[in-house]
């Protein structure tokens, strides 16, 4: 791997601009260690909170303190719902985040919806939409209240967009609602299995219950925000719990309509990076349009003697991920037309 640039001493024409933290799939529960669905991967439910606390301590001590942290979804595990400890576990995790000296932006994953309804999440501390930046003269860039998405500017000429990857989903919504029926119809049209979490025999294995997708309304909004960023020569980082690029993920852990999302992104030059969690294994690929897709390794499957988080140092010509533990370092150069 190429040598990691020192954020405090940029080389050549590269100028350090700002940094931000990333962490994914904490999935805390006050339980003994367990295993994933296939029972081939160990999960450290109780220790995941200690990993988060350790990450926060390191971010607070960094020479270059990150301007914010992106939490990529699944802060507590679905087992909390069975144990009736959802609110208590969420409170413990949010208390840990309170010690962070910078804002944290929360993305919602499937485990949020195993524990809470969409209405509950909207009124919880996991809703960080109040941190959004509104573009007053471009009302089309204001997201609808029908999905949890927003954008903000951490540094001039950089825009971060948080997407709702469960805008289309049967999780977290009333089963009697038209929206639930519409999403169930989509899921069953692609997945005839009795167990809707099983991808067995599917031509499109991403159509499982623990995934979701983006409504056309949200994709139209994303398109409008990216148009604005193109016009204003901004660089854009997109954040989602679920990945959208097959080369950076396994074939199951993808958004239902990842192709449509890619089509929107590829029609604009401004996007430089797409950050996601969900896979736990992590993954990376640069797509044909020069967008770097990073799927972060999950805290939940990280042994007590390791770690799983990172700090991204943003330069004028690239982004440099400095990973900890299971998260590898990466250098992600911008496409030439953005330099």
Protein backbone atom coordinates (compact mmCIF):
# COMPACT_ATOMS: atom_id res chain seq x y z
CA UNK A 1 0.00 0.00 0.00
CA UNK A 2 1.16 3.53 -0.73
CA UNK A 3 2.71 5.41 2.15
CA UNK A 4 0.20 7.29 4.27
CA UNK A 5 0.59 11.08 3.84
CA UNK A 6 1.12 12.95 7.09
CA UNK A 7 -1.98 15.18 7.55
CA UNK A 8 0.19 17.73 9.34
CA UNK A 9 2.72 17.93 6.52
CA UNK A 10 1.04 17.70 3.08
CA UNK A 11 3.38 16.96 0.21
CA UNK A 12 3.75 18.42 -3.27
CA UNK A 13 0.72 20.50 -4.31
CA UNK A 14 -1.59 18.70 -1.90
CA UNK A 15 -3.14 20.91 0.77
CA UNK A 16 -4.85 19.49 3.88
CA UNK A 17 -8.32 21.00 4.34
CA UNK A 18 -10.23 19.17 7.08
CA UNK A 19 -10.83 15.73 8.64
CA UNK A 20 -13.83 13.68 9.75
CA UNK A 21 -14.37 10.41 11.62
CA UNK A 22 -16.22 7.29 10.45
CA UNK A 23 -17.60 4.29 12.36
CA UNK A 24 -20.16 1.62 11.46
CA UNK A 25 -22.29 -1.22 12.84
CA UNK A 26 -21.64 -0.87 16.56
CA UNK A 27 -24.72 -3.03 17.31
CA UNK A 28 -24.35 -2.83 21.08
CA UNK A 29 -26.33 -5.17 23.35
CA UNK A 30 -25.71 -6.18 26.95
CA UNK A 31 -25.20 -9.82 25.94
CA UNK A 32 -22.47 -12.42 25.93
CA UNK A 33 -20.64 -12.92 22.63
CA UNK A 34 -22.67 -14.63 19.93
CA UNK A 35 -22.59 -15.35 16.21
CA UNK A 36 -24.06 -14.08 12.96
CA UNK A 37 -27.01 -15.73 11.19
CA UNK A 38 -24.74 -18.27 9.45
CA UNK A 39 -22.96 -18.90 12.78
CA UNK A 40 -19.55 -18.49 11.17
CA UNK A 41 -18.65 -15.01 12.51
CA UNK A 42 -18.28 -14.06 16.16
CA UNK A 43 -20.11 -11.00 17.42
CA UNK A 44 -18.91 -9.05 20.45
CA UNK A 45 -22.15 -7.43 21.63
CA UNK A 46 -21.04 -6.09 24.98
CA UNK A 47 -17.52 -5.10 23.95
CA UNK A 48 -18.78 -3.01 21.02
CA UNK A 49 -19.61 -0.18 23.44
CA UNK A 50 -16.02 -0.21 24.71
CA UNK A 51 -14.80 0.00 21.12
CA UNK A 52 -16.99 3.06 20.59
CA UNK A 53 -15.74 4.68 23.80
CA UNK A 54 -12.15 4.02 22.76
CA UNK A 55 -12.76 5.51 19.30
CA UNK A 56 -14.25 8.65 20.85
CA UNK A 57 -11.28 9.01 23.19
CA UNK A 58 -8.89 8.77 20.23
CA UNK A 59 -10.83 11.28 18.11
CA UNK A 60 -10.87 13.74 21.01
CA UNK A 61 -7.09 13.39 21.42
CA UNK A 62 -6.10 13.60 17.75
CA UNK A 63 -3.68 16.37 16.80
CA UNK A 64 -6.10 17.34 14.06
CA UNK A 65 -9.52 17.00 15.68
CA UNK A 66 -12.15 15.83 13.16
CA UNK A 67 -14.80 18.43 12.28
CA UNK A 68 -17.50 15.77 12.75
CA UNK A 69 -18.07 12.02 12.92
CA UNK A 70 -20.27 9.99 10.55
CA UNK A 71 -22.02 7.06 12.26
CA UNK A 72 -23.03 4.74 9.43
CA UNK A 73 -25.95 2.95 11.09
CA UNK A 74 -26.84 0.03 13.39
CA UNK A 75 -25.80 1.57 16.72
CA UNK A 76 -27.61 -1.10 18.76
CA UNK A 77 -28.40 -4.72 17.93
CA UNK A 78 -31.82 -6.15 17.14
CA UNK A 79 -31.52 -8.50 20.13
CA UNK A 80 -32.34 -5.50 22.31
CA UNK A 81 -35.92 -5.60 21.06
CA UNK A 82 -36.29 -9.22 22.16
CA UNK A 83 -34.76 -8.43 25.55
CA UNK A 84 -36.85 -5.25 25.91
CA UNK A 85 -33.67 -3.21 26.42
CA UNK A 86 -33.82 -1.06 23.28
CA UNK A 87 -34.20 2.32 24.99
CA UNK A 88 -31.67 1.51 27.72
CA UNK A 89 -29.03 0.36 25.21
CA UNK A 90 -29.62 3.36 22.95
CA UNK A 91 -29.22 5.66 25.96
CA UNK A 92 -25.86 4.06 26.83
CA UNK A 93 -24.58 4.50 23.26
CA UNK A 94 -25.82 8.09 23.03
CA UNK A 95 -24.22 8.88 26.41
CA UNK A 96 -20.92 7.69 24.93
CA UNK A 97 -21.37 9.96 21.91
CA UNK A 98 -22.05 12.88 24.28
CA UNK A 99 -18.34 12.78 25.18
CA UNK A 100 -17.38 13.47 21.57
CA UNK A 101 -16.13 17.04 21.19
CA UNK A 102 -17.58 17.44 17.68
CA UNK A 103 -21.00 16.82 16.08
CA UNK A 104 -21.99 13.29 15.07
CA UNK A 105 -24.25 12.62 12.08
CA UNK A 106 -26.34 9.45 12.47
CA UNK A 107 -27.44 7.21 9.60
CA UNK A 108 -30.25 4.69 10.16
CA UNK A 109 -29.73 0.98 9.47
CA UNK A 110 -31.86 -2.15 9.69
CA UNK A 111 -31.10 -2.66 13.39
CA UNK A 112 -32.51 0.78 14.20
CA UNK A 113 -35.78 -0.46 12.68
CA UNK A 114 -35.64 -3.80 14.50
CA UNK A 115 -35.73 -1.79 17.72
CA UNK A 116 -37.84 1.26 16.90
CA UNK A 117 -40.52 2.53 14.57
CA UNK A 118 -39.70 5.22 12.02
CA UNK A 119 -41.82 7.66 14.03
CA UNK A 120 -39.83 6.91 17.19
CA UNK A 121 -36.51 7.44 15.38
CA UNK A 122 -37.73 10.73 13.93
CA UNK A 123 -38.25 12.03 17.47
CA UNK A 124 -35.08 10.49 18.93
CA UNK A 125 -31.48 11.63 19.36
CA UNK A 126 -30.62 9.51 16.31
CA UNK A 127 -32.31 12.17 14.16
CA UNK A 128 -29.54 14.66 13.36
CA UNK A 129 -31.42 16.43 10.58
CA UNK A 130 -31.17 19.63 12.62
CA UNK A 131 -27.51 19.73 11.52
CA UNK A 132 -28.48 20.13 7.86
CA UNK A 133 -27.56 23.14 5.72
CA UNK A 134 -30.45 24.61 3.73
CA UNK A 135 -29.86 26.28 0.38
CA UNK A 136 -32.45 29.04 0.65
CA UNK A 137 -32.61 30.00 -3.03
CA UNK A 138 -32.92 26.39 -4.20
CA UNK A 139 -35.99 24.88 -2.49
CA UNK A 140 -35.66 21.69 -4.54
CA UNK A 141 -32.62 20.83 -2.39
CA UNK A 142 -34.78 20.66 0.77
CA UNK A 143 -35.55 16.98 1.48
CA UNK A 144 -39.09 15.72 2.02
CA UNK A 145 -40.25 14.72 5.50
CA UNK A 146 -41.17 11.33 4.02
CA UNK A 147 -37.59 10.08 4.29
CA UNK A 148 -34.62 10.70 6.57
CA UNK A 149 -32.01 12.43 4.45
CA UNK A 150 -30.19 15.74 4.47
CA UNK A 151 -26.98 17.48 3.38
CA UNK A 152 -24.45 19.74 5.07
CA UNK A 153 -21.21 21.57 4.30
CA UNK A 154 -18.33 20.63 6.64
CA UNK A 155 -15.89 22.82 4.72
CA UNK A 156 -16.27 25.29 1.82
CA UNK A 157 -16.82 23.56 -1.54
CA UNK A 158 -17.50 20.16 0.08
CA UNK A 159 -21.01 18.81 0.59
CA UNK A 160 -21.96 15.67 2.53
CA UNK A 161 -25.28 13.95 1.77
CA UNK A 162 -26.88 11.43 4.15
CA UNK A 163 -29.31 9.07 2.42
CA UNK A 164 -32.18 6.97 3.80
CA UNK A 165 -31.52 3.43 2.54
CA UNK A 166 -34.77 2.20 4.16
CA UNK A 167 -37.02 4.72 2.45
CA UNK A 168 -38.34 1.64 0.63
CA UNK A 169 -38.61 -1.06 3.29
CA UNK A 170 -41.03 -3.13 5.33
CA UNK A 171 -39.06 -2.39 8.51
CA UNK A 172 -40.19 0.13 11.09
CA UNK A 173 -43.59 0.99 9.61
CA UNK A 174 -47.18 0.02 10.36
CA UNK A 175 -48.10 -3.18 8.55
CA UNK A 176 -51.55 -1.79 7.79
CA UNK A 177 -50.16 1.26 5.98
CA UNK A 178 -50.19 1.64 2.17
CA UNK A 179 -46.44 2.22 2.28
CA UNK A 180 -45.85 -1.14 3.95
CA UNK A 181 -48.05 -2.92 1.42
CA UNK A 182 -46.25 -1.23 -1.48
CA UNK A 183 -42.81 -2.23 -0.16
CA UNK A 184 -43.93 -5.78 0.67
CA UNK A 185 -45.20 -6.12 -2.90
CA UNK A 186 -41.82 -4.99 -4.28
CA UNK A 187 -39.98 -7.42 -2.00
CA UNK A 188 -42.17 -10.41 -2.78
CA UNK A 189 -42.03 -9.75 -6.52
CA UNK A 190 -38.26 -10.31 -6.33
CA UNK A 191 -38.12 -12.80 -3.44
CA UNK A 192 -40.54 -15.77 -3.46
CA UNK A 193 -38.89 -17.40 -0.43
CA UNK A 194 -41.03 -18.07 2.65
CA UNK A 195 -38.17 -16.59 4.70
CA UNK A 196 -37.81 -13.06 3.29
CA UNK A 197 -34.37 -12.66 4.89
CA UNK A 198 -33.08 -15.54 2.75
CA UNK A 199 -31.41 -14.77 -0.61
CA UNK A 200 -31.41 -18.46 -1.59
CA UNK A 201 -32.03 -18.97 -5.31
CA UNK A 202 -32.55 -15.28 -6.05
CA UNK A 203 -31.36 -13.71 -9.31
CA UNK A 204 -31.17 -10.41 -7.42
CA UNK A 205 -30.00 -11.49 -3.94
CA UNK A 206 -30.20 -7.95 -2.55
CA UNK A 207 -33.99 -8.30 -2.32
CA UNK A 208 -34.12 -9.48 1.26
CA UNK A 209 -35.98 -8.05 4.23
CA UNK A 210 -32.88 -6.72 6.03
CA UNK A 211 -32.11 -4.47 3.06
CA UNK A 212 -34.11 -1.56 1.67
CA UNK A 213 -33.98 1.01 -1.07
CA UNK A 214 -34.45 4.61 -2.16
CA UNK A 215 -37.81 5.99 -3.28
CA UNK A 216 -38.03 7.84 -6.57
CA UNK A 217 -38.82 10.96 -4.54
CA UNK A 218 -35.52 10.65 -2.67
CA UNK A 219 -33.57 9.90 -5.85
CA UNK A 220 -35.07 13.01 -7.49
CA UNK A 221 -34.02 15.07 -4.49
CA UNK A 222 -30.50 13.59 -4.64
CA UNK A 223 -30.33 14.47 -8.32
CA UNK A 224 -31.28 18.09 -7.56
CA UNK A 225 -28.66 18.43 -4.82
CA UNK A 226 -25.97 16.98 -7.11
CA UNK A 227 -27.01 19.42 -9.86
CA UNK A 228 -26.45 22.26 -7.41
CA UNK A 229 -23.05 20.85 -6.41
CA UNK A 230 -22.02 20.46 -10.06
CA UNK A 231 -22.96 24.06 -10.79
CA UNK A 232 -21.13 25.35 -7.73
CA UNK A 233 -18.04 23.18 -8.25
CA UNK A 234 -18.42 21.31 -4.98
CA UNK A 235 -17.04 17.89 -4.14
CA UNK A 236 -19.64 15.53 -2.65
CA UNK A 237 -19.41 12.66 -0.16
CA UNK A 238 -22.53 10.47 0.05
CA UNK A 239 -23.35 8.45 3.18
CA UNK A 240 -25.72 5.46 3.38
CA UNK A 241 -26.06 2.45 5.66
CA UNK A 242 -26.39 0.11 2.66
CA UNK A 243 -23.74 0.00 -0.11
CA UNK A 244 -24.70 0.53 -3.76
CA UNK A 245 -21.67 -0.71 -5.70
CA UNK A 246 -21.34 -4.50 -6.16
CA UNK A 247 -17.55 -4.47 -6.50
CA UNK A 248 -17.24 -3.03 -2.97
CA UNK A 249 -19.74 -5.36 -1.31
CA UNK A 250 -21.03 -8.90 -1.40
CA UNK A 251 -24.00 -9.44 -3.69
CA UNK A 252 -26.52 -9.66 -0.82
CA UNK A 253 -25.70 -6.50 1.14
CA UNK A 254 -26.76 -4.00 -1.53
CA UNK A 255 -29.65 -1.55 -1.70
CA UNK A 256 -32.68 -2.97 -3.51
CA UNK A 257 -32.44 -0.43 -6.32
CA UNK A 258 -28.71 0.24 -6.22
CA UNK A 259 -28.59 0.50 -10.01
CA UNK A 260 -30.96 3.48 -10.00
CA UNK A 261 -28.89 5.18 -7.31
CA UNK A 262 -25.70 4.64 -9.31
CA UNK A 263 -27.39 6.02 -12.42
CA UNK A 264 -28.14 9.27 -10.59
CA UNK A 265 -24.62 9.54 -9.16
CA UNK A 266 -22.92 8.73 -12.45
CA UNK A 267 -24.85 11.51 -14.21
CA UNK A 268 -22.92 14.07 -12.12
CA UNK A 269 -19.22 14.80 -11.87
CA UNK A 270 -19.21 16.14 -8.28
CA UNK A 271 -19.36 12.87 -6.27
CA UNK A 272 -15.97 11.72 -4.98
CA UNK A 273 -16.86 9.11 -2.35
CA UNK A 274 -19.71 6.87 -1.18
CA UNK A 275 -19.47 5.66 2.43
CA UNK A 276 -21.52 2.74 3.79
CA UNK A 277 -21.57 0.07 6.47
CA UNK A 278 -23.87 -2.99 6.69
CA UNK A 279 -21.47 -5.62 5.33
CA UNK A 280 -19.34 -5.94 8.54
CA UNK A 281 -16.52 -7.37 6.38
CA UNK A 282 -15.77 -4.03 4.77
CA UNK A 283 -14.95 -3.46 1.14
CA UNK A 284 -13.58 -0.96 -1.34
CA UNK A 285 -13.66 -0.21 -5.05
CA UNK A 286 -13.29 2.76 -7.35
CA UNK A 287 -16.08 2.72 -9.92
CA UNK A 288 -15.69 3.62 -13.63
CA UNK A 289 -16.72 7.23 -12.99
CA UNK A 290 -13.99 7.71 -10.38
CA UNK A 291 -16.21 7.48 -7.28
CA UNK A 292 -14.55 5.70 -4.35
CA UNK A 293 -16.92 3.26 -2.61
CA UNK A 294 -15.85 2.47 0.96
CA UNK A 295 -17.79 -0.06 3.05
CA UNK A 296 -16.50 0.22 6.59
CA UNK A 297 -15.71 -2.83 8.70
CA UNK A 298 -18.26 -3.36 11.49
CA UNK A 299 -17.47 -2.78 15.15
CA UNK A 300 -19.77 -5.66 16.18
CA UNK A 301 -17.45 -8.30 14.67
CA UNK A 302 -14.25 -6.72 15.97
CA UNK A 303 -12.37 -8.66 18.64
CA UNK A 304 -11.60 -6.94 21.96
CA UNK A 305 -7.90 -6.66 21.11
CA UNK A 306 -8.55 -4.81 17.82
CA UNK A 307 -10.55 -1.78 16.64
CA UNK A 308 -12.78 -0.67 13.75
CA UNK A 309 -13.05 3.03 12.95
CA UNK A 310 -11.20 5.61 10.96
CA UNK A 311 -10.41 9.24 10.33
CA UNK A 312 -10.58 10.63 6.81
CA UNK A 313 -8.16 13.47 6.08
CA UNK A 314 -9.41 15.59 3.19
CA UNK A 315 -6.90 17.28 0.90
CA UNK A 316 -7.25 19.48 -2.17
CA UNK A 317 -6.48 16.53 -4.47
CA UNK A 318 -7.46 13.42 -2.48
CA UNK A 319 -8.98 11.88 0.63
CA UNK A 320 -6.84 9.74 2.94
CA UNK A 321 -8.52 7.22 5.24
CA UNK A 322 -6.41 6.45 8.30
CA UNK A 323 -7.96 3.26 9.63
CA UNK A 324 -7.66 1.67 13.06
CA UNK A 325 -7.58 -2.07 13.66
CA UNK A 326 -9.63 -3.89 11.02
CA UNK A 327 -10.13 -0.74 8.94
CA UNK A 328 -7.28 -0.43 6.42
CA UNK A 329 -5.66 2.81 5.28
CA UNK A 330 -6.75 4.06 1.86
CA UNK A 331 -5.66 6.86 -0.46
CA UNK A 332 -8.49 8.05 -2.71
CA UNK A 333 -7.49 10.49 -5.44
CA UNK A 334 -10.10 12.77 -6.98
CA UNK A 335 -10.97 12.36 -10.66
CA UNK A 336 -9.00 14.70 -12.93
CA UNK A 337 -11.94 16.89 -13.90
CA UNK A 338 -12.34 17.96 -10.25
CA UNK A 339 -8.74 19.12 -9.82
